[in-house]
């Protein structure tokens, strides 16, 4: 359930967008060390996951009321709000 806090579908879109930006920069003539690119993508993924966890903590009361979001880990009671906050702050 902790992985779901990171909103992996949204995170994958963020990573894809960053990757496309890196490829476009290299195609335009910029140089990019492969190791730096991997570390950058990992940092972007962690940042996106942190914002997802913080968003689930912040919106837990609203998510519990909406049909589409009431099954998320915090409103469904699978994860305590403080744990979501801790994970989001820790990753941030």
PDB file of N, CA and C in Angstrom:
ATOM      1  N   UNK A   1       0.803  -1.222   0.000  1.00  0.00           N
ATOM      2  CA  UNK A   1       0.000   0.000   0.000  1.00  0.00           C
ATOM      3  C   UNK A   1       0.842   1.280   0.000  1.00  0.00           C
ATOM      4  N   UNK A   2       2.095   1.195   0.483  1.00  0.00           N
ATOM      5  CA  UNK A   2       2.929   2.408   0.506  1.00  0.00           C
ATOM      6  C   UNK A   2       3.288   2.853  -0.905  1.00  0.00           C
ATOM      7  N   UNK A   3       3.496   1.912  -1.801  1.00  0.00           N
ATOM      8  CA  UNK A   3       3.829   2.271  -3.180  1.00  0.00           C
ATOM      9  C   UNK A   3       2.677   3.038  -3.829  1.00  0.00           C
ATOM     10  N   UNK A   4       1.440   2.670  -3.481  1.00  0.00           N
ATOM     11  CA  UNK A   4       0.274   3.366  -4.038  1.00  0.00           C
ATOM     12  C   UNK A   4       0.236   4.825  -3.605  1.00  0.00           C
ATOM     13  N   UNK A   5       0.812   5.143  -2.435  1.00  0.00           N
ATOM     14  CA  UNK A   5       0.866   6.535  -1.983  1.00  0.00           C
ATOM     15  C   UNK A   5       1.664   7.406  -2.946  1.00  0.00           C
ATOM     16  N   UNK A   6       2.595   6.800  -3.656  1.00  0.00           N
ATOM     17  CA  UNK A   6       3.469   7.553  -4.555  1.00  0.00           C
ATOM     18  C   UNK A   6       2.811   7.881  -5.895  1.00  0.00           C
ATOM     19  N   UNK A   7       1.601   7.404  -6.088  1.00  0.00           N
ATOM     20  CA  UNK A   7       0.855   7.605  -7.330  1.00  0.00           C
ATOM     21  C   UNK A   7       1.719   7.218  -8.539  1.00  0.00           C
ATOM     22  N   UNK A   8       1.990   5.928  -8.696  1.00  0.00           N
ATOM     23  CA  UNK A   8       2.926   5.481  -9.741  1.00  0.00           C
ATOM     24  C   UNK A   8       2.511   5.843 -11.164  1.00  0.00           C
ATOM     25  N   UNK A   9       1.228   5.916 -11.442  1.00  0.00           N
ATOM     26  CA  UNK A   9       0.820   6.290 -12.800  1.00  0.00           C
ATOM     27  C   UNK A   9       1.192   7.736 -13.106  1.00  0.00           C
ATOM     28  N   UNK A  10       0.968   8.614 -12.142  1.00  0.00           N
ATOM     29  CA  UNK A  10       1.353  10.010 -12.332  1.00  0.00           C
ATOM     30  C   UNK A  10       2.873  10.123 -12.389  1.00  0.00           C
ATOM     31  N   UNK A  11       3.552   9.375 -11.513  1.00  0.00           N
ATOM     32  CA  UNK A  11       5.011   9.408 -11.478  1.00  0.00           C
ATOM     33  C   UNK A  11       5.590   8.973 -12.826  1.00  0.00           C
ATOM     34  N   UNK A  12       5.003   7.974 -13.451  1.00  0.00           N
ATOM     35  CA  UNK A  12       5.522   7.509 -14.741  1.00  0.00           C
ATOM     36  C   UNK A  12       5.387   8.599 -15.808  1.00  0.00           C
ATOM     37  N   UNK A  13       4.325   9.382 -15.750  1.00  0.00           N
ATOM     38  CA  UNK A  13       4.185  10.487 -16.706  1.00  0.00           C
ATOM     39  C   UNK A  13       5.244  11.553 -16.484  1.00  0.00           C
ATOM     40  N   UNK A  14       5.553  11.836 -15.238  1.00  0.00           N
ATOM     41  CA  UNK A  14       6.579  12.834 -14.918  1.00  0.00           C
ATOM     42  C   UNK A  14       7.949  12.351 -15.401  1.00  0.00           C
ATOM     43  N   UNK A  15       8.246  11.087 -15.148  1.00  0.00           N
ATOM     44  CA  UNK A  15       9.537  10.527 -15.577  1.00  0.00           C
ATOM     45  C   UNK A  15       9.636  10.532 -17.099  1.00  0.00           C
ATOM     46  N   UNK A  16       8.555  10.132 -17.762  1.00  0.00           N
ATOM     47  CA  UNK A  16       8.562  10.126 -19.220  1.00  0.00           C
ATOM     48  C   UNK A  16       8.797  11.527 -19.779  1.00  0.00           C
ATOM     49  N   UNK A  17       8.139  12.517 -19.211  1.00  0.00           N
ATOM     50  CA  UNK A  17       8.308  13.894 -19.663  1.00  0.00           C
ATOM     51  C   UNK A  17       9.749  14.361 -19.484  1.00  0.00           C
ATOM     52  N   UNK A  18      10.342  14.022 -18.340  1.00  0.00           N
ATOM     53  CA  UNK A  18      11.739  14.401 -18.098  1.00  0.00           C
ATOM     54  C   UNK A  18      12.672  13.700 -19.082  1.00  0.00           C
ATOM     55  N   UNK A  19      12.408  12.435 -19.333  1.00  0.00           N
ATOM     56  CA  UNK A  19      13.236  11.679 -20.273  1.00  0.00           C
ATOM     57  C   UNK A  19      13.153  12.279 -21.676  1.00  0.00           C
ATOM     58  N   UNK A  20      11.966  12.622 -22.102  1.00  0.00           N
ATOM     59  CA  UNK A  20      11.801  13.243 -23.423  1.00  0.00           C
ATOM     60  C   UNK A  20      12.553  14.574 -23.481  1.00  0.00           C
ATOM     61  N   UNK A  21      12.504  15.340 -22.403  1.00  0.00           N
ATOM     62  CA  UNK A  21      13.260  16.590 -22.359  1.00  0.00           C
ATOM     63  C   UNK A  21      14.755  16.366 -22.469  1.00  0.00           C
ATOM     64  N   UNK A  22      15.246  15.328 -21.792  1.00  0.00           N
ATOM     65  CA  UNK A  22      16.682  15.012 -21.876  1.00  0.00           C
ATOM     66  C   UNK A  22      17.071  14.591 -23.283  1.00  0.00           C
ATOM     67  N   UNK A  23      16.252  13.753 -23.895  1.00  0.00           N
ATOM     68  CA  UNK A  23      16.542  13.309 -25.263  1.00  0.00           C
ATOM     69  C   UNK A  23      16.515  14.495 -26.221  1.00  0.00           C
ATOM     70  N   UNK A  24      15.549  15.375 -26.058  1.00  0.00           N
ATOM     71  CA  UNK A  24      15.478  16.558 -26.919  1.00  0.00           C
ATOM     72  C   UNK A  24      16.699  17.449 -26.731  1.00  0.00           C
ATOM     73  N   UNK A  25      17.177  17.574 -25.503  1.00  0.00           N
ATOM     74  CA  UNK A  25      18.362  18.396 -25.240  1.00  0.00           C
ATOM     75  C   UNK A  25      19.592  17.796 -25.903  1.00  0.00           C
ATOM     76  N   UNK A  26      19.725  16.480 -25.812  1.00  0.00           N
ATOM     77  CA  UNK A  26      20.876  15.819 -26.445  1.00  0.00           C
ATOM     78  C   UNK A  26      20.790  15.956 -27.964  1.00  0.00           C
ATOM     79  N   UNK A  27      19.590  15.800 -28.513  1.00  0.00           N
ATOM     80  CA  UNK A  27      19.412  15.956 -29.968  1.00  0.00           C
ATOM     81  C   UNK A  27      19.735  17.380 -30.416  1.00  0.00           C
ATOM     82  N   UNK A  28      19.545  18.348 -29.531  1.00  0.00           N
ATOM     83  CA  UNK A  28      19.824  19.743 -29.865  1.00  0.00           C
ATOM     84  C   UNK A  28      21.300  20.084 -29.686  1.00  0.00           C
ATOM     85  N   UNK A  29      22.095  19.113 -29.237  1.00  0.00           N
ATOM     86  CA  UNK A  29      23.523  19.339 -29.131  1.00  0.00           C
ATOM     87  C   UNK A  29      24.081  19.390 -27.723  1.00  0.00           C
ATOM     88  N   UNK A  30      23.257  19.282 -26.721  1.00  0.00           N
ATOM     89  CA  UNK A  30      23.748  19.299 -25.336  1.00  0.00           C
ATOM     90  C   UNK A  30      24.415  17.961 -25.022  1.00  0.00           C
ATOM     91  N   UNK A  31      25.376  18.017 -24.121  1.00  0.00           N
ATOM     92  CA  UNK A  31      25.999  16.761 -23.682  1.00  0.00           C
ATOM     93  C   UNK A  31      25.424  16.398 -22.317  1.00  0.00           C
ATOM     94  N   UNK A  32      25.182  15.113 -22.130  1.00  0.00           N
ATOM     95  CA  UNK A  32      24.583  14.641 -20.895  1.00  0.00           C
ATOM     96  C   UNK A  32      25.239  13.325 -20.509  1.00  0.00           C
ATOM     97  N   UNK A  33      25.851  13.302 -19.342  1.00  0.00           N
ATOM     98  CA  UNK A  33      26.485  12.080 -18.854  1.00  0.00           C
ATOM     99  C   UNK A  33      25.389  11.074 -18.506  1.00  0.00           C
ATOM    100  N   UNK A  34      25.505   9.832 -18.970  1.00  0.00           N
ATOM    101  CA  UNK A  34      24.454   8.840 -18.711  1.00  0.00           C
ATOM    102  C   UNK A  34      24.179   8.614 -17.217  1.00  0.00           C
ATOM    103  N   UNK A  35      25.221   8.620 -16.411  1.00  0.00           N
ATOM    104  CA  UNK A  35      25.037   8.441 -14.970  1.00  0.00           C
ATOM    105  C   UNK A  35      24.257   9.593 -14.360  1.00  0.00           C
ATOM    106  N   UNK A  36      24.556  10.798 -14.791  1.00  0.00           N
ATOM    107  CA  UNK A  36      23.832  11.969 -14.307  1.00  0.00           C
ATOM    108  C   UNK A  36      22.370  11.924 -14.749  1.00  0.00           C
ATOM    109  N   UNK A  37      22.138  11.432 -15.950  1.00  0.00           N
ATOM    110  CA  UNK A  37      20.762  11.316 -16.443  1.00  0.00           C
ATOM    111  C   UNK A  37      19.963  10.337 -15.588  1.00  0.00           C
ATOM    112  N   UNK A  38      20.562   9.207 -15.247  1.00  0.00           N
ATOM    113  CA  UNK A  38      19.874   8.203 -14.423  1.00  0.00           C
ATOM    114  C   UNK A  38      19.590   8.750 -13.031  1.00  0.00           C
ATOM    115  N   UNK A  39      20.592   9.396 -12.426  1.00  0.00           N
ATOM    116  CA  UNK A  39      20.401   9.972 -11.092  1.00  0.00           C
ATOM    117  C   UNK A  39      19.337  11.066 -11.135  1.00  0.00           C
ATOM    118  N   UNK A  40      19.340  11.867 -12.187  1.00  0.00           N
ATOM    119  CA  UNK A  40      18.335  12.922 -12.327  1.00  0.00           C
ATOM    120  C   UNK A  40      16.930  12.338 -12.440  1.00  0.00           C
ATOM    121  N   UNK A  41      16.780  11.299 -13.246  1.00  0.00           N
ATOM    122  CA  UNK A  41      15.471  10.667 -13.382  1.00  0.00           C
ATOM    123  C   UNK A  41      15.009  10.046 -12.065  1.00  0.00           C
ATOM    124  N   UNK A  42      15.953   9.453 -11.320  1.00  0.00           N
ATOM    125  CA  UNK A  42      15.607   8.877 -10.019  1.00  0.00           C
ATOM    126  C   UNK A  42      15.163   9.970  -9.045  1.00  0.00           C
ATOM    127  N   UNK A  43      15.868  11.088  -9.039  1.00  0.00           N
ATOM    128  CA  UNK A  43      15.503  12.195  -8.156  1.00  0.00           C
ATOM    129  C   UNK A  43      14.140  12.776  -8.539  1.00  0.00           C
ATOM    130  N   UNK A  44      13.873  12.862  -9.821  1.00  0.00           N
ATOM    131  CA  UNK A  44      12.575  13.344 -10.286  1.00  0.00           C
ATOM    132  C   UNK A  44      11.473  12.383  -9.857  1.00  0.00           C
ATOM    133  N   UNK A  45      11.738  11.084  -9.955  1.00  0.00           N
ATOM    134  CA  UNK A  45      10.753  10.080  -9.534  1.00  0.00           C
ATOM    135  C   UNK A  45      10.474  10.173  -8.037  1.00  0.00           C
ATOM    136  N   UNK A  46      11.519  10.338  -7.240  1.00  0.00           N
ATOM    137  CA  UNK A  46      11.336  10.462  -5.793  1.00  0.00           C
ATOM    138  C   UNK A  46      10.557  11.726  -5.454  1.00  0.00           C
ATOM    139  N   UNK A  47      10.880  12.823  -6.121  1.00  0.00           N
ATOM    140  CA  UNK A  47      10.151  14.074  -5.884  1.00  0.00           C
ATOM    141  C   UNK A  47       8.686  13.968  -6.270  1.00  0.00           C
ATOM    142  N   UNK A  48       8.411  13.319  -7.390  1.00  0.00           N
ATOM    143  CA  UNK A  48       7.027  13.133  -7.812  1.00  0.00           C
ATOM    144  C   UNK A  48       6.287  12.221  -6.835  1.00  0.00           C
ATOM    145  N   UNK A  49       6.960  11.170  -6.368  1.00  0.00           N
ATOM    146  CA  UNK A  49       6.341  10.282  -5.388  1.00  0.00           C
ATOM    147  C   UNK A  49       6.070  10.977  -4.072  1.00  0.00           C
ATOM    148  N   UNK A  50       6.987  11.830  -3.655  1.00  0.00           N
ATOM    149  CA  UNK A  50       6.798  12.580  -2.415  1.00  0.00           C
ATOM    150  C   UNK A  50       5.582  13.488  -2.521  1.00  0.00           C
ATOM    151  N   UNK A  51       5.438  14.147  -3.651  1.00  0.00           N
ATOM    152  CA  UNK A  51       4.278  15.031  -3.805  1.00  0.00           C
ATOM    153  C   UNK A  51       2.982  14.230  -3.846  1.00  0.00           C
ATOM    154  N   UNK A  52       3.023  13.018  -4.422  1.00  0.00           N
ATOM    155  CA  UNK A  52       1.842  12.165  -4.416  1.00  0.00           C
ATOM    156  C   UNK A  52       1.444  11.750  -3.013  1.00  0.00           C
ATOM    157  N   UNK A  53       2.425  11.374  -2.193  1.00  0.00           N
ATOM    158  CA  UNK A  53       2.136  10.974  -0.810  1.00  0.00           C
ATOM    159  C   UNK A  53       1.609  12.156   0.000  1.00  0.00           C
ATOM    160  N   UNK A  54       2.211  13.313  -0.171  1.00  0.00           N
ATOM    161  CA  UNK A  54       1.734  14.497   0.547  1.00  0.00           C
ATOM    162  C   UNK A  54       0.321  14.878   0.097  1.00  0.00           C
ATOM    163  N   UNK A  55       0.050  14.732  -1.189  1.00  0.00           N
ATOM    164  CA  UNK A  55      -1.284  15.029  -1.697  1.00  0.00           C
ATOM    165  C   UNK A  55      -2.321  14.077  -1.102  1.00  0.00           C
ATOM    166  N   UNK A  56      -1.977  12.802  -0.984  1.00  0.00           N
ATOM    167  CA  UNK A  56      -2.930  11.854  -0.393  1.00  0.00           C
ATOM    168  C   UNK A  56      -3.167  12.151   1.081  1.00  0.00           C
ATOM    169  N   UNK A  57      -2.135  12.603   1.787  1.00  0.00           N
ATOM    170  CA  UNK A  57      -2.313  12.990   3.187  1.00  0.00           C
ATOM    171  C   UNK A  57      -3.219  14.217   3.274  1.00  0.00           C
ATOM    172  N   UNK A  58      -2.948  15.227   2.455  1.00  0.00           N
ATOM    173  CA  UNK A  58      -3.665  16.493   2.530  1.00  0.00           C
ATOM    174  C   UNK A  58      -5.134  16.325   2.138  1.00  0.00           C
ATOM    175  N   UNK A  59      -5.397  15.516   1.130  1.00  0.00           N
ATOM    176  CA  UNK A  59      -6.746  15.388   0.594  1.00  0.00           C
ATOM    177  C   UNK A  59      -7.498  14.166   1.097  1.00  0.00           C
ATOM    178  N   UNK A  60      -7.056  13.529   2.157  1.00  0.00           N
ATOM    179  CA  UNK A  60      -7.691  12.294   2.624  1.00  0.00           C
ATOM    180  C   UNK A  60      -9.159  12.492   2.957  1.00  0.00           C
ATOM    181  N   UNK A  61      -9.508  13.610   3.557  1.00  0.00           N
ATOM    182  CA  UNK A  61     -10.912  13.844   3.918  1.00  0.00           C
ATOM    183  C   UNK A  61     -11.788  14.027   2.682  1.00  0.00           C
ATOM    184  N   UNK A  62     -11.265  14.703   1.678  1.00  0.00           N
ATOM    185  CA  UNK A  62     -12.010  14.898   0.432  1.00  0.00           C
ATOM    186  C   UNK A  62     -12.077  13.591  -0.351  1.00  0.00           C
ATOM    187  N   UNK A  63     -10.954  12.861  -0.395  1.00  0.00           N
ATOM    188  CA  UNK A  63     -10.911  11.596  -1.123  1.00  0.00           C
ATOM    189  C   UNK A  63     -11.913  10.592  -0.565  1.00  0.00           C
ATOM    190  N   UNK A  64     -12.160  10.627   0.733  1.00  0.00           N
ATOM    191  CA  UNK A  64     -13.105   9.690   1.350  1.00  0.00           C
ATOM    192  C   UNK A  64     -14.534   9.928   0.863  1.00  0.00           C
ATOM    193  N   UNK A  65     -14.825  11.119   0.386  1.00  0.00           N
ATOM    194  CA  UNK A  65     -16.177  11.454  -0.062  1.00  0.00           C
ATOM    195  C   UNK A  65     -16.417  11.153  -1.541  1.00  0.00           C
ATOM    196  N   UNK A  66     -15.347  11.050  -2.306  1.00  0.00           N
ATOM    197  CA  UNK A  66     -15.494  10.891  -3.758  1.00  0.00           C
ATOM    198  C   UNK A  66     -15.433   9.418  -4.146  1.00  0.00           C
ATOM    199  N   UNK A  67     -16.341   8.997  -5.016  1.00  0.00           N
ATOM    200  CA  UNK A  67     -16.399   7.605  -5.464  1.00  0.00           C
ATOM    201  C   UNK A  67     -15.075   7.157  -6.084  1.00  0.00           C
ATOM    202  N   UNK A  68     -14.487   8.005  -6.907  1.00  0.00           N
ATOM    203  CA  UNK A  68     -13.265   7.652  -7.634  1.00  0.00           C
ATOM    204  C   UNK A  68     -12.059   7.482  -6.711  1.00  0.00           C
ATOM    205  N   UNK A  69     -12.018   8.213  -5.597  1.00  0.00           N
ATOM    206  CA  UNK A  69     -10.811   8.241  -4.772  1.00  0.00           C
ATOM    207  C   UNK A  69     -10.967   7.611  -3.392  1.00  0.00           C
ATOM    208  N   UNK A  70     -12.154   7.150  -3.047  1.00  0.00           N
ATOM    209  CA  UNK A  70     -12.349   6.635  -1.693  1.00  0.00           C
ATOM    210  C   UNK A  70     -11.597   5.334  -1.423  1.00  0.00           C
ATOM    211  N   UNK A  71     -11.115   4.662  -2.449  1.00  0.00           N
ATOM    212  CA  UNK A  71     -10.355   3.435  -2.270  1.00  0.00           C
ATOM    213  C   UNK A  71      -8.863   3.646  -2.110  1.00  0.00           C
ATOM    214  N   UNK A  72      -8.403   4.895  -2.127  1.00  0.00           N
ATOM    215  CA  UNK A  72      -6.976   5.168  -1.935  1.00  0.00           C
ATOM    216  C   UNK A  72      -6.558   4.752  -0.529  1.00  0.00           C
ATOM    217  N   UNK A  73      -5.271   4.504  -0.322  1.00  0.00           N
ATOM    218  CA  UNK A  73      -4.819   3.920   0.950  1.00  0.00           C
ATOM    219  C   UNK A  73      -5.213   4.679   2.211  1.00  0.00           C
ATOM    220  N   UNK A  74      -5.126   5.994   2.228  1.00  0.00           N
ATOM    221  CA  UNK A  74      -5.424   6.740   3.457  1.00  0.00           C
ATOM    222  C   UNK A  74      -6.926   6.777   3.741  1.00  0.00           C
ATOM    223  N   UNK A  75      -7.775   7.194   2.791  1.00  0.00           N
ATOM    224  CA  UNK A  75      -9.198   7.215   3.109  1.00  0.00           C
ATOM    225  C   UNK A  75      -9.784   5.826   3.361  1.00  0.00           C
ATOM    226  N   UNK A  76      -9.186   4.795   2.756  1.00  0.00           N
ATOM    227  CA  UNK A  76      -9.679   3.430   2.956  1.00  0.00           C
ATOM    228  C   UNK A  76      -9.204   2.846   4.281  1.00  0.00           C
ATOM    229  N   UNK A  77      -8.290   3.528   4.969  1.00  0.00           N
ATOM    230  CA  UNK A  77      -7.811   3.070   6.267  1.00  0.00           C
ATOM    231  C   UNK A  77      -6.685   2.061   6.219  1.00  0.00           C
ATOM    232  N   UNK A  78      -6.113   1.823   5.046  1.00  0.00           N
ATOM    233  CA  UNK A  78      -4.994   0.876   4.942  1.00  0.00           C
ATOM    234  C   UNK A  78      -3.690   1.486   5.440  1.00  0.00           C
ATOM    235  N   UNK A  79      -3.604   2.809   5.408  1.00  0.00           N
ATOM    236  CA  UNK A  79      -2.425   3.531   5.884  1.00  0.00           C
ATOM    237  C   UNK A  79      -2.911   4.709   6.715  1.00  0.00           C
ATOM    238  N   UNK A  80      -2.277   4.928   7.838  1.00  0.00           N
ATOM    239  CA  UNK A  80      -2.618   6.054   8.708  1.00  0.00           C
ATOM    240  C   UNK A  80      -2.156   7.369   8.060  1.00  0.00           C
ATOM    241  N   UNK A  81      -2.902   8.445   8.256  1.00  0.00           N
ATOM    242  CA  UNK A  81      -2.498   9.735   7.675  1.00  0.00           C
ATOM    243  C   UNK A  81      -1.093  10.162   8.062  1.00  0.00           C
ATOM    244  N   UNK A  82      -0.709   9.929   9.309  1.00  0.00           N
ATOM    245  CA  UNK A  82       0.637  10.300   9.746  1.00  0.00           C
ATOM    246  C   UNK A  82       1.729   9.549   9.011  1.00  0.00           C
ATOM    247  N   UNK A  83       1.443   8.306   8.617  1.00  0.00           N
ATOM    248  CA  UNK A  83       2.426   7.533   7.862  1.00  0.00           C
ATOM    249  C   UNK A  83       2.591   8.109   6.452  1.00  0.00           C
ATOM    250  N   UNK A  84       1.477   8.516   5.841  1.00  0.00           N
ATOM    251  CA  UNK A  84       1.557   9.144   4.521  1.00  0.00           C
ATOM    252  C   UNK A  84       2.324  10.456   4.592  1.00  0.00           C
ATOM    253  N   UNK A  85       2.050  11.231   5.636  1.00  0.00           N
ATOM    254  CA  UNK A  85       2.776  12.493   5.821  1.00  0.00           C
ATOM    255  C   UNK A  85       4.260  12.224   6.025  1.00  0.00           C
ATOM    256  N   UNK A  86       4.582  11.252   6.861  1.00  0.00           N
ATOM    257  CA  UNK A  86       5.987  10.924   7.109  1.00  0.00           C
ATOM    258  C   UNK A  86       6.717  10.473   5.865  1.00  0.00           C
ATOM    259  N   UNK A  87       6.050   9.647   5.060  1.00  0.00           N
ATOM    260  CA  UNK A  87       6.675   9.189   3.832  1.00  0.00           C
ATOM    261  C   UNK A  87       6.899  10.354   2.869  1.00  0.00           C
ATOM    262  N   UNK A  88       5.894  11.210   2.730  1.00  0.00           N
ATOM    263  CA  UNK A  88       6.028  12.355   1.824  1.00  0.00           C
ATOM    264  C   UNK A  88       7.115  13.314   2.258  1.00  0.00           C
ATOM    265  N   UNK A  89       7.159  13.617   3.541  1.00  0.00           N
ATOM    266  CA  UNK A  89       8.181  14.529   4.054  1.00  0.00           C
ATOM    267  C   UNK A  89       9.564  13.878   3.954  1.00  0.00           C
ATOM    268  N   UNK A  90       9.627  12.593   4.280  1.00  0.00           N
ATOM    269  CA  UNK A  90      10.918  11.882   4.213  1.00  0.00           C
ATOM    270  C   UNK A  90      11.479  11.848   2.795  1.00  0.00           C
ATOM    271  N   UNK A  91      10.634  11.584   1.835  1.00  0.00           N
ATOM    272  CA  UNK A  91      11.096  11.560   0.451  1.00  0.00           C
ATOM    273  C   UNK A  91      11.431  12.956  -0.059  1.00  0.00           C
ATOM    274  N   UNK A  92      10.728  13.947   0.464  1.00  0.00           N
ATOM    275  CA  UNK A  92      11.002  15.325   0.040  1.00  0.00           C
ATOM    276  C   UNK A  92      12.375  15.734   0.511  1.00  0.00           C
TER     277      UNK A  92
END
